[in-house]
Amino acid sequence: MRRRAVAALALVALATAACAGDATRAARAAGPFPDAACALLTERAALAAFLARLPPPAAETVRERLADGALPAAVVFLGTAPTAGHRVEIRSVRVRPGGTVEIAVHHEAPPPGALVAQVLTYPVAVRPVPAARLPEGLREARCLTPDGRLLARARPGETARPRPLSPPP
């Protein structure tokens, strides 16, 4: 009987420690995650290469959102998230002088300590971009936070890996 009580107490302590988290784990859980990617896709070959790098559920979401094959398009994959409650959104796509396109990306993560489903999720955002808006001689696409912090940059046809972010406020 005493062993069962000790074992039950140990499980409660383990579960409490797992749910409590610390600042380091909270920062890691905010995203983007290690397999995150963002791209400004202008050609079918670039789209196929991008989809091949994504986990199947994320690739399927991108295919669904580009059902009519609308290219060019900005695509942001936050990465494979360890829990529910993560969301990514493309707030804007701006053309800057010099052949640069800036993609403003907003993401949300569950608050630290929130009770969320422990299930893998694949937050993806897709936004078609009118070809007429793209500059002649497109040189670079940059993924930025809404406050202007650089997440990633890539040349046309490349896929960029976003830098880790601190948890959103």
N, C-alpha and C. Protein backbone atom coordinates (compact mmCIF):
# COMPACT_ATOMS: atom_id res chain seq x y z
N MET A 1 0.84 -1.18 0.00
CA MET A 1 0.00 0.00 0.00
C MET A 1 0.88 1.24 0.00
N ARG A 2 1.91 1.25 0.85
CA ARG A 2 2.79 2.42 0.93
C ARG A 2 3.53 2.64 -0.39
N ARG A 3 3.94 1.52 -1.04
CA ARG A 3 4.64 1.65 -2.33
C ARG A 3 3.73 2.28 -3.37
N ARG A 4 2.46 1.87 -3.38
CA ARG A 4 1.52 2.44 -4.33
C ARG A 4 1.36 3.93 -4.09
N ALA A 5 1.28 4.33 -2.83
CA ALA A 5 1.13 5.75 -2.50
C ALA A 5 2.37 6.53 -2.93
N VAL A 6 3.56 5.97 -2.72
CA VAL A 6 4.79 6.63 -3.13
C VAL A 6 4.85 6.72 -4.66
N ALA A 7 4.47 5.63 -5.34
CA ALA A 7 4.48 5.63 -6.80
C ALA A 7 3.48 6.65 -7.34
N ALA A 8 2.31 6.73 -6.75
CA ALA A 8 1.30 7.71 -7.18
C ALA A 8 1.80 9.12 -6.94
N LEU A 9 2.44 9.36 -5.81
CA LEU A 9 3.00 10.67 -5.51
C LEU A 9 4.11 11.03 -6.50
N ALA A 10 4.92 10.06 -6.85
CA ALA A 10 5.99 10.31 -7.83
C ALA A 10 5.40 10.67 -9.18
N LEU A 11 4.33 10.00 -9.59
CA LEU A 11 3.68 10.33 -10.86
C LEU A 11 3.08 11.73 -10.83
N VAL A 12 2.47 12.11 -9.72
CA VAL A 12 1.91 13.46 -9.59
C VAL A 12 3.04 14.49 -9.65
N ALA A 13 4.16 14.22 -8.97
CA ALA A 13 5.29 15.15 -9.01
C ALA A 13 5.85 15.26 -10.42
N LEU A 14 5.96 14.13 -11.12
CA LEU A 14 6.46 14.13 -12.48
C LEU A 14 5.53 14.90 -13.40
N ALA A 15 4.24 14.68 -13.28
CA ALA A 15 3.27 15.40 -14.10
C ALA A 15 3.29 16.89 -13.80
N THR A 16 3.41 17.26 -12.55
CA THR A 16 3.47 18.67 -12.17
C THR A 16 4.71 19.32 -12.76
N ALA A 17 5.84 18.65 -12.67
CA ALA A 17 7.08 19.20 -13.22
C ALA A 17 6.97 19.34 -14.74
N ALA A 18 6.34 18.38 -15.38
CA ALA A 18 6.21 18.43 -16.84
C ALA A 18 5.31 19.58 -17.27
N CYS A 19 4.27 19.87 -16.49
CA CYS A 19 3.35 20.93 -16.86
C CYS A 19 3.85 22.31 -16.46
N ALA A 20 4.64 22.38 -15.41
CA ALA A 20 5.06 23.67 -14.89
C ALA A 20 5.97 24.40 -15.86
N GLY A 21 6.98 23.72 -16.40
CA GLY A 21 7.88 24.33 -17.37
C GLY A 21 8.74 25.39 -16.75
N ASP A 22 9.70 25.89 -17.53
CA ASP A 22 10.54 26.99 -17.10
C ASP A 22 10.71 27.93 -18.27
N ALA A 23 11.43 29.02 -18.10
CA ALA A 23 11.56 30.04 -19.14
C ALA A 23 12.23 29.47 -20.39
N THR A 24 13.20 28.60 -20.22
CA THR A 24 13.89 28.03 -21.37
C THR A 24 12.93 27.17 -22.18
N ARG A 25 12.19 26.33 -21.51
CA ARG A 25 11.25 25.48 -22.22
C ARG A 25 10.15 26.30 -22.86
N ALA A 26 9.70 27.36 -22.19
CA ALA A 26 8.67 28.22 -22.75
C ALA A 26 9.18 28.89 -24.02
N ALA A 27 10.43 29.34 -24.01
CA ALA A 27 10.99 29.97 -25.20
C ALA A 27 11.09 28.97 -26.34
N ARG A 28 11.52 27.74 -26.04
CA ARG A 28 11.62 26.71 -27.06
C ARG A 28 10.25 26.37 -27.62
N ALA A 29 9.22 26.42 -26.79
CA ALA A 29 7.89 26.02 -27.21
C ALA A 29 7.16 27.11 -27.98
N ALA A 30 7.74 28.29 -28.09
CA ALA A 30 7.06 29.38 -28.75
C ALA A 30 7.13 29.29 -30.27
N GLY A 31 8.18 28.68 -30.80
CA GLY A 31 8.36 28.59 -32.24
C GLY A 31 9.12 29.79 -32.75
N PRO A 32 9.52 29.81 -33.99
CA PRO A 32 9.43 28.70 -34.91
C PRO A 32 10.24 27.50 -34.42
N PHE A 33 9.79 26.33 -34.84
CA PHE A 33 10.41 25.09 -34.42
C PHE A 33 11.49 24.68 -35.42
N PRO A 34 12.32 23.70 -35.09
CA PRO A 34 13.49 23.38 -35.93
C PRO A 34 13.19 23.11 -37.40
N ASP A 35 12.02 22.58 -37.71
CA ASP A 35 11.73 22.28 -39.11
C ASP A 35 10.92 23.39 -39.79
N ALA A 36 10.88 24.58 -39.19
CA ALA A 36 10.14 25.71 -39.75
C ALA A 36 10.73 26.11 -41.10
N ALA A 37 9.89 26.73 -41.93
CA ALA A 37 10.35 27.18 -43.24
C ALA A 37 9.44 28.30 -43.74
N CYS A 38 10.03 29.21 -44.51
CA CYS A 38 9.20 30.22 -45.18
C CYS A 38 9.78 30.46 -46.56
N ALA A 39 8.90 30.81 -47.50
CA ALA A 39 9.35 31.00 -48.87
C ALA A 39 8.36 31.87 -49.62
N LEU A 40 8.87 32.55 -50.62
CA LEU A 40 8.06 33.22 -51.63
C LEU A 40 8.20 32.35 -52.86
N LEU A 41 7.15 31.62 -53.16
CA LEU A 41 7.19 30.63 -54.25
C LEU A 41 6.64 31.25 -55.52
N THR A 42 7.44 31.22 -56.57
CA THR A 42 7.05 31.84 -57.83
C THR A 42 6.89 30.84 -58.97
N GLU A 43 7.41 29.63 -58.79
CA GLU A 43 7.36 28.62 -59.85
C GLU A 43 6.92 27.28 -59.29
N ARG A 44 6.34 26.46 -60.15
CA ARG A 44 5.87 25.13 -59.74
C ARG A 44 7.01 24.26 -59.21
N ALA A 45 8.18 24.34 -59.81
CA ALA A 45 9.31 23.53 -59.35
C ALA A 45 9.70 23.91 -57.92
N ALA A 46 9.68 25.21 -57.62
CA ALA A 46 9.99 25.67 -56.26
C ALA A 46 8.93 25.19 -55.28
N LEU A 47 7.67 25.22 -55.70
CA LEU A 47 6.59 24.72 -54.85
C LEU A 47 6.78 23.24 -54.56
N ALA A 48 7.09 22.45 -55.58
CA ALA A 48 7.29 21.00 -55.38
C ALA A 48 8.45 20.75 -54.42
N ALA A 49 9.55 21.48 -54.58
CA ALA A 49 10.70 21.29 -53.68
C ALA A 49 10.35 21.70 -52.26
N PHE A 50 9.59 22.78 -52.10
CA PHE A 50 9.18 23.25 -50.78
C PHE A 50 8.29 22.20 -50.11
N LEU A 51 7.31 21.69 -50.84
CA LEU A 51 6.39 20.69 -50.28
C LEU A 51 7.12 19.42 -49.87
N ALA A 52 8.15 19.06 -50.61
CA ALA A 52 8.92 17.84 -50.30
C ALA A 52 9.65 17.96 -48.97
N ARG A 53 9.94 19.18 -48.51
CA ARG A 53 10.66 19.39 -47.25
C ARG A 53 9.73 19.42 -46.04
N LEU A 54 8.43 19.55 -46.27
CA LEU A 54 7.48 19.67 -45.17
C LEU A 54 6.98 18.30 -44.71
N PRO A 55 6.56 18.21 -43.43
CA PRO A 55 5.88 16.98 -42.99
C PRO A 55 4.59 16.82 -43.81
N PRO A 56 4.16 15.61 -44.08
CA PRO A 56 2.98 15.39 -44.92
C PRO A 56 1.74 16.21 -44.52
N PRO A 57 1.37 16.32 -43.22
CA PRO A 57 0.18 17.11 -42.90
C PRO A 57 0.32 18.60 -43.29
N ALA A 58 1.51 19.15 -43.13
CA ALA A 58 1.74 20.55 -43.50
C ALA A 58 1.70 20.70 -45.02
N ALA A 59 2.32 19.77 -45.74
CA ALA A 59 2.31 19.83 -47.20
C ALA A 59 0.88 19.74 -47.73
N GLU A 60 0.07 18.89 -47.13
CA GLU A 60 -1.32 18.75 -47.56
C GLU A 60 -2.10 20.05 -47.32
N THR A 61 -1.85 20.72 -46.20
CA THR A 61 -2.50 22.00 -45.92
C THR A 61 -2.12 23.04 -46.97
N VAL A 62 -0.85 23.09 -47.33
CA VAL A 62 -0.40 24.04 -48.36
C VAL A 62 -1.10 23.72 -49.68
N ARG A 63 -1.15 22.45 -50.05
CA ARG A 63 -1.82 22.05 -51.30
C ARG A 63 -3.29 22.48 -51.30
N GLU A 64 -3.97 22.26 -50.17
CA GLU A 64 -5.38 22.65 -50.07
C GLU A 64 -5.55 24.15 -50.23
N ARG A 65 -4.68 24.92 -49.60
CA ARG A 65 -4.81 26.38 -49.65
C ARG A 65 -4.38 26.96 -50.99
N LEU A 66 -3.62 26.19 -51.75
CA LEU A 66 -3.25 26.60 -53.11
C LEU A 66 -3.97 25.70 -54.12
N ALA A 67 -5.22 25.35 -53.81
CA ALA A 67 -5.96 24.38 -54.62
C ALA A 67 -6.03 24.80 -56.08
N ASP A 68 -6.14 26.08 -56.35
CA ASP A 68 -6.22 26.53 -57.74
C ASP A 68 -4.83 26.75 -58.33
N GLY A 69 -3.79 26.39 -57.56
CA GLY A 69 -2.42 26.51 -58.05
C GLY A 69 -1.93 27.95 -58.13
N ALA A 70 -2.53 28.82 -57.34
CA ALA A 70 -2.20 30.24 -57.38
C ALA A 70 -0.75 30.50 -56.97
N LEU A 71 0.06 30.82 -57.96
CA LEU A 71 1.44 31.24 -57.71
C LEU A 71 1.62 32.58 -58.42
N PRO A 72 2.41 33.44 -57.88
CA PRO A 72 3.27 33.31 -56.70
C PRO A 72 2.46 33.33 -55.40
N ALA A 73 3.12 32.80 -54.35
CA ALA A 73 2.49 32.77 -53.03
C ALA A 73 3.56 32.80 -51.95
N ALA A 74 3.22 33.46 -50.86
CA ALA A 74 4.07 33.44 -49.67
C ALA A 74 3.57 32.29 -48.80
N VAL A 75 4.49 31.47 -48.31
CA VAL A 75 4.13 30.32 -47.47
C VAL A 75 5.03 30.32 -46.25
N VAL A 76 4.42 30.20 -45.07
CA VAL A 76 5.16 30.14 -43.82
C VAL A 76 4.68 28.91 -43.05
N PHE A 77 5.63 28.07 -42.67
CA PHE A 77 5.37 26.89 -41.84
C PHE A 77 6.09 27.13 -40.53
N LEU A 78 5.35 27.22 -39.43
CA LEU A 78 5.94 27.50 -38.12
C LEU A 78 6.82 26.36 -37.64
N GLY A 79 6.61 25.17 -38.18
CA GLY A 79 7.33 23.99 -37.74
C GLY A 79 6.39 23.05 -37.03
N THR A 80 6.85 21.85 -36.76
CA THR A 80 6.04 20.86 -36.06
C THR A 80 5.95 21.27 -34.60
N ALA A 81 4.77 21.70 -34.19
CA ALA A 81 4.56 22.18 -32.82
C ALA A 81 4.19 21.00 -31.92
N PRO A 82 4.68 21.00 -30.68
CA PRO A 82 4.45 19.86 -29.79
C PRO A 82 3.06 19.83 -29.14
N THR A 83 2.31 20.93 -29.28
CA THR A 83 0.99 20.99 -28.64
C THR A 83 0.02 21.75 -29.54
N ALA A 84 -1.24 21.68 -29.18
CA ALA A 84 -2.25 22.51 -29.82
C ALA A 84 -2.05 23.96 -29.36
N GLY A 85 -2.69 24.89 -30.03
CA GLY A 85 -2.66 26.28 -29.59
C GLY A 85 -1.66 27.16 -30.31
N HIS A 86 -0.91 26.62 -31.26
CA HIS A 86 0.03 27.42 -32.04
C HIS A 86 -0.65 27.86 -33.32
N ARG A 87 -0.38 29.10 -33.73
CA ARG A 87 -1.00 29.63 -34.94
C ARG A 87 0.00 30.56 -35.62
N VAL A 88 -0.01 30.58 -36.94
CA VAL A 88 0.84 31.49 -37.70
C VAL A 88 -0.03 32.19 -38.75
N GLU A 89 0.27 33.45 -39.00
CA GLU A 89 -0.51 34.24 -39.93
C GLU A 89 0.44 35.15 -40.72
N ILE A 90 0.19 35.29 -42.00
CA ILE A 90 0.91 36.26 -42.80
C ILE A 90 0.10 37.55 -42.75
N ARG A 91 0.65 38.56 -42.09
CA ARG A 91 -0.07 39.82 -41.92
C ARG A 91 -0.02 40.69 -43.18
N SER A 92 1.14 40.68 -43.85
CA SER A 92 1.25 41.49 -45.07
C SER A 92 2.40 40.99 -45.92
N VAL A 93 2.34 41.36 -47.18
CA VAL A 93 3.43 41.11 -48.12
C VAL A 93 3.70 42.46 -48.78
N ARG A 94 4.90 43.00 -48.54
CA ARG A 94 5.26 44.33 -49.06
C ARG A 94 6.44 44.22 -50.01
N VAL A 95 6.36 45.00 -51.08
CA VAL A 95 7.47 45.09 -52.01
C VAL A 95 8.29 46.32 -51.64
N ARG A 96 9.58 46.11 -51.48
CA ARG A 96 10.51 47.19 -51.12
C ARG A 96 11.42 47.49 -52.30
N PRO A 97 11.99 48.69 -52.32
CA PRO A 97 12.92 49.03 -53.41
C PRO A 97 14.11 48.05 -53.44
N GLY A 98 14.63 47.85 -54.62
CA GLY A 98 15.80 47.00 -54.76
C GLY A 98 15.49 45.53 -54.96
N GLY A 99 14.23 45.19 -55.24
CA GLY A 99 13.90 43.80 -55.52
C GLY A 99 13.68 42.93 -54.30
N THR A 100 13.29 43.54 -53.17
CA THR A 100 13.07 42.79 -51.94
C THR A 100 11.58 42.73 -51.62
N VAL A 101 11.13 41.57 -51.19
CA VAL A 101 9.75 41.39 -50.73
C VAL A 101 9.80 41.03 -49.26
N GLU A 102 9.03 41.74 -48.44
CA GLU A 102 8.97 41.48 -47.00
C GLU A 102 7.64 40.83 -46.66
N ILE A 103 7.73 39.72 -45.95
CA ILE A 103 6.55 38.97 -45.52
C ILE A 103 6.46 39.13 -44.00
N ALA A 104 5.44 39.87 -43.55
CA ALA A 104 5.25 40.08 -42.10
C ALA A 104 4.49 38.88 -41.53
N VAL A 105 5.12 38.21 -40.57
CA VAL A 105 4.59 36.97 -40.00
C VAL A 105 4.25 37.18 -38.53
N HIS A 106 3.05 36.81 -38.15
CA HIS A 106 2.63 36.87 -36.75
C HIS A 106 2.38 35.44 -36.30
N HIS A 107 2.85 35.12 -35.10
CA HIS A 107 2.56 33.78 -34.57
C HIS A 107 2.05 33.91 -33.15
N GLU A 108 1.27 32.93 -32.77
CA GLU A 108 0.75 32.85 -31.40
C GLU A 108 1.08 31.48 -30.85
N ALA A 109 1.38 31.46 -29.57
CA ALA A 109 1.65 30.21 -28.86
C ALA A 109 0.76 30.20 -27.63
N PRO A 110 0.46 29.03 -27.11
CA PRO A 110 -0.33 28.99 -25.88
C PRO A 110 0.46 29.65 -24.75
N PRO A 111 -0.23 30.31 -23.83
CA PRO A 111 0.48 30.94 -22.72
C PRO A 111 1.20 29.90 -21.86
N PRO A 112 2.32 30.28 -21.25
CA PRO A 112 3.03 29.34 -20.37
C PRO A 112 2.09 28.80 -19.29
N GLY A 113 2.14 27.52 -19.10
CA GLY A 113 1.31 26.88 -18.08
C GLY A 113 -0.10 26.55 -18.53
N ALA A 114 -0.46 26.93 -19.76
CA ALA A 114 -1.82 26.64 -20.24
C ALA A 114 -1.99 25.13 -20.43
N LEU A 115 -3.19 24.66 -20.18
CA LEU A 115 -3.50 23.25 -20.43
C LEU A 115 -3.89 23.12 -21.90
N VAL A 116 -3.07 22.43 -22.66
CA VAL A 116 -3.32 22.25 -24.09
C VAL A 116 -3.14 20.79 -24.44
N ALA A 117 -3.77 20.39 -25.53
CA ALA A 117 -3.64 19.00 -25.98
C ALA A 117 -2.20 18.71 -26.36
N GLN A 118 -1.69 17.61 -25.91
CA GLN A 118 -0.33 17.17 -26.24
C GLN A 118 -0.41 16.38 -27.54
N VAL A 119 -0.43 17.13 -28.63
CA VAL A 119 -0.59 16.54 -29.96
C VAL A 119 0.25 17.36 -30.93
N LEU A 120 0.87 16.70 -31.88
CA LEU A 120 1.66 17.43 -32.87
C LEU A 120 0.72 18.21 -33.79
N THR A 121 1.06 19.48 -34.02
CA THR A 121 0.30 20.31 -34.95
C THR A 121 1.27 20.91 -35.95
N TYR A 122 0.73 21.41 -37.05
CA TYR A 122 1.56 21.89 -38.16
C TYR A 122 1.05 23.25 -38.64
N PRO A 123 1.28 24.31 -37.88
CA PRO A 123 0.75 25.62 -38.26
C PRO A 123 1.36 26.14 -39.57
N VAL A 124 0.48 26.45 -40.51
CA VAL A 124 0.89 26.91 -41.83
C VAL A 124 0.05 28.13 -42.22
N ALA A 125 0.69 29.09 -42.88
CA ALA A 125 -0.03 30.23 -43.46
C ALA A 125 0.36 30.34 -44.93
N VAL A 126 -0.62 30.60 -45.76
CA VAL A 126 -0.40 30.75 -47.20
C VAL A 126 -1.11 32.01 -47.65
N ARG A 127 -0.42 32.81 -48.45
CA ARG A 127 -1.05 34.01 -49.01
C ARG A 127 -0.60 34.16 -50.47
N PRO A 128 -1.57 34.05 -51.40
CA PRO A 128 -1.23 34.32 -52.80
C PRO A 128 -0.78 35.78 -52.95
N VAL A 129 0.15 36.00 -53.85
CA VAL A 129 0.68 37.33 -54.12
C VAL A 129 0.47 37.61 -55.60
N PRO A 130 -0.24 38.70 -55.94
CA PRO A 130 -0.41 39.00 -57.37
C PRO A 130 0.95 39.19 -58.05
N ALA A 131 1.15 38.49 -59.16
CA ALA A 131 2.43 38.56 -59.88
C ALA A 131 2.77 39.99 -60.27
N ALA A 132 1.78 40.79 -60.54
CA ALA A 132 2.02 42.18 -60.94
C ALA A 132 2.67 42.99 -59.82
N ARG A 133 2.49 42.56 -58.57
CA ARG A 133 3.09 43.27 -57.43
C ARG A 133 4.56 42.95 -57.24
N LEU A 134 5.02 41.83 -57.78
CA LEU A 134 6.42 41.44 -57.57
C LEU A 134 7.33 42.28 -58.45
N PRO A 135 8.48 42.64 -57.89
CA PRO A 135 9.40 43.49 -58.66
C PRO A 135 10.08 42.71 -59.78
N GLU A 136 10.42 43.43 -60.84
CA GLU A 136 11.27 42.87 -61.89
C GLU A 136 12.62 42.59 -61.23
N GLY A 137 13.20 41.45 -61.46
CA GLY A 137 14.49 41.15 -60.84
C GLY A 137 14.40 40.93 -59.34
N LEU A 138 13.41 40.15 -58.92
CA LEU A 138 13.25 39.82 -57.50
C LEU A 138 14.56 39.24 -56.96
N ARG A 139 15.08 39.87 -55.92
CA ARG A 139 16.38 39.44 -55.37
C ARG A 139 16.25 38.65 -54.09
N GLU A 140 15.29 39.03 -53.24
CA GLU A 140 15.26 38.43 -51.91
C GLU A 140 13.86 38.53 -51.30
N ALA A 141 13.50 37.51 -50.55
CA ALA A 141 12.28 37.53 -49.73
C ALA A 141 12.73 37.47 -48.28
N ARG A 142 12.15 38.32 -47.45
CA ARG A 142 12.46 38.34 -46.03
C ARG A 142 11.20 38.07 -45.23
N CYS A 143 11.31 37.17 -44.26
CA CYS A 143 10.23 36.93 -43.31
C CYS A 143 10.56 37.72 -42.05
N LEU A 144 9.64 38.57 -41.64
CA LEU A 144 9.85 39.45 -40.49
C LEU A 144 8.72 39.30 -39.49
N THR A 145 9.00 39.62 -38.23
CA THR A 145 7.94 39.73 -37.24
C THR A 145 7.22 41.04 -37.51
N PRO A 146 6.01 41.23 -36.99
CA PRO A 146 5.30 42.50 -37.22
C PRO A 146 6.09 43.72 -36.74
N ASP A 147 6.98 43.55 -35.74
CA ASP A 147 7.77 44.69 -35.26
C ASP A 147 9.08 44.84 -36.04
N GLY A 148 9.27 44.05 -37.11
CA GLY A 148 10.41 44.23 -38.00
C GLY A 148 11.63 43.38 -37.73
N ARG A 149 11.58 42.46 -36.75
CA ARG A 149 12.74 41.58 -36.51
C ARG A 149 12.83 40.55 -37.63
N LEU A 150 14.03 40.38 -38.16
CA LEU A 150 14.25 39.43 -39.24
C LEU A 150 14.18 38.00 -38.72
N LEU A 151 13.33 37.21 -39.35
CA LEU A 151 13.23 35.78 -39.03
C LEU A 151 14.07 34.96 -39.99
N ALA A 152 13.96 35.30 -41.28
CA ALA A 152 14.68 34.53 -42.29
C ALA A 152 14.72 35.33 -43.58
N ARG A 153 15.67 34.96 -44.43
CA ARG A 153 15.74 35.56 -45.77
C ARG A 153 16.11 34.47 -46.75
N ALA A 154 15.62 34.63 -47.98
CA ALA A 154 15.92 33.65 -49.02
C ALA A 154 15.86 34.32 -50.38
N ARG A 155 16.61 33.77 -51.31
CA ARG A 155 16.54 34.20 -52.70
C ARG A 155 15.38 33.48 -53.37
N PRO A 156 14.91 33.98 -54.50
CA PRO A 156 13.79 33.31 -55.18
C PRO A 156 14.07 31.81 -55.39
N GLY A 157 13.07 31.00 -55.10
CA GLY A 157 13.20 29.56 -55.26
C GLY A 157 13.84 28.85 -54.08
N GLU A 158 14.43 29.59 -53.13
CA GLU A 158 15.03 28.99 -51.94
C GLU A 158 14.00 28.93 -50.83
N THR A 159 14.27 28.07 -49.87
CA THR A 159 13.46 27.99 -48.66
C THR A 159 14.32 28.48 -47.51
N ALA A 160 13.78 29.38 -46.71
CA ALA A 160 14.52 29.92 -45.57
C ALA A 160 14.09 29.22 -44.30
N ARG A 161 15.02 29.06 -43.38
CA ARG A 161 14.74 28.50 -42.06
C ARG A 161 14.66 29.66 -41.07
N PRO A 162 13.48 29.93 -40.51
CA PRO A 162 13.37 31.04 -39.56
C PRO A 162 14.19 30.82 -38.30
N ARG A 163 14.63 31.92 -37.72
CA ARG A 163 15.35 31.90 -36.43
C ARG A 163 14.34 31.70 -35.32
N PRO A 164 14.77 31.09 -34.20
CA PRO A 164 13.86 30.94 -33.06
C PRO A 164 13.42 32.30 -32.53
N LEU A 165 12.20 32.34 -32.06
CA LEU A 165 11.65 33.55 -31.47
C LEU A 165 11.48 33.37 -29.98
N SER A 166 11.47 34.46 -29.28
CA SER A 166 11.08 34.38 -27.87
C SER A 166 9.57 34.25 -27.84
N PRO A 167 8.98 33.84 -26.72
CA PRO A 167 7.53 33.69 -26.68
C PRO A 167 6.85 35.01 -26.97
N PRO A 168 5.72 34.98 -27.71
CA PRO A 168 5.00 36.21 -27.98
C PRO A 168 4.47 36.81 -26.68
N PRO A 169 4.31 38.15 -26.65
CA PRO A 169 3.82 38.78 -25.41
C PRO A 169 2.41 38.39 -25.09
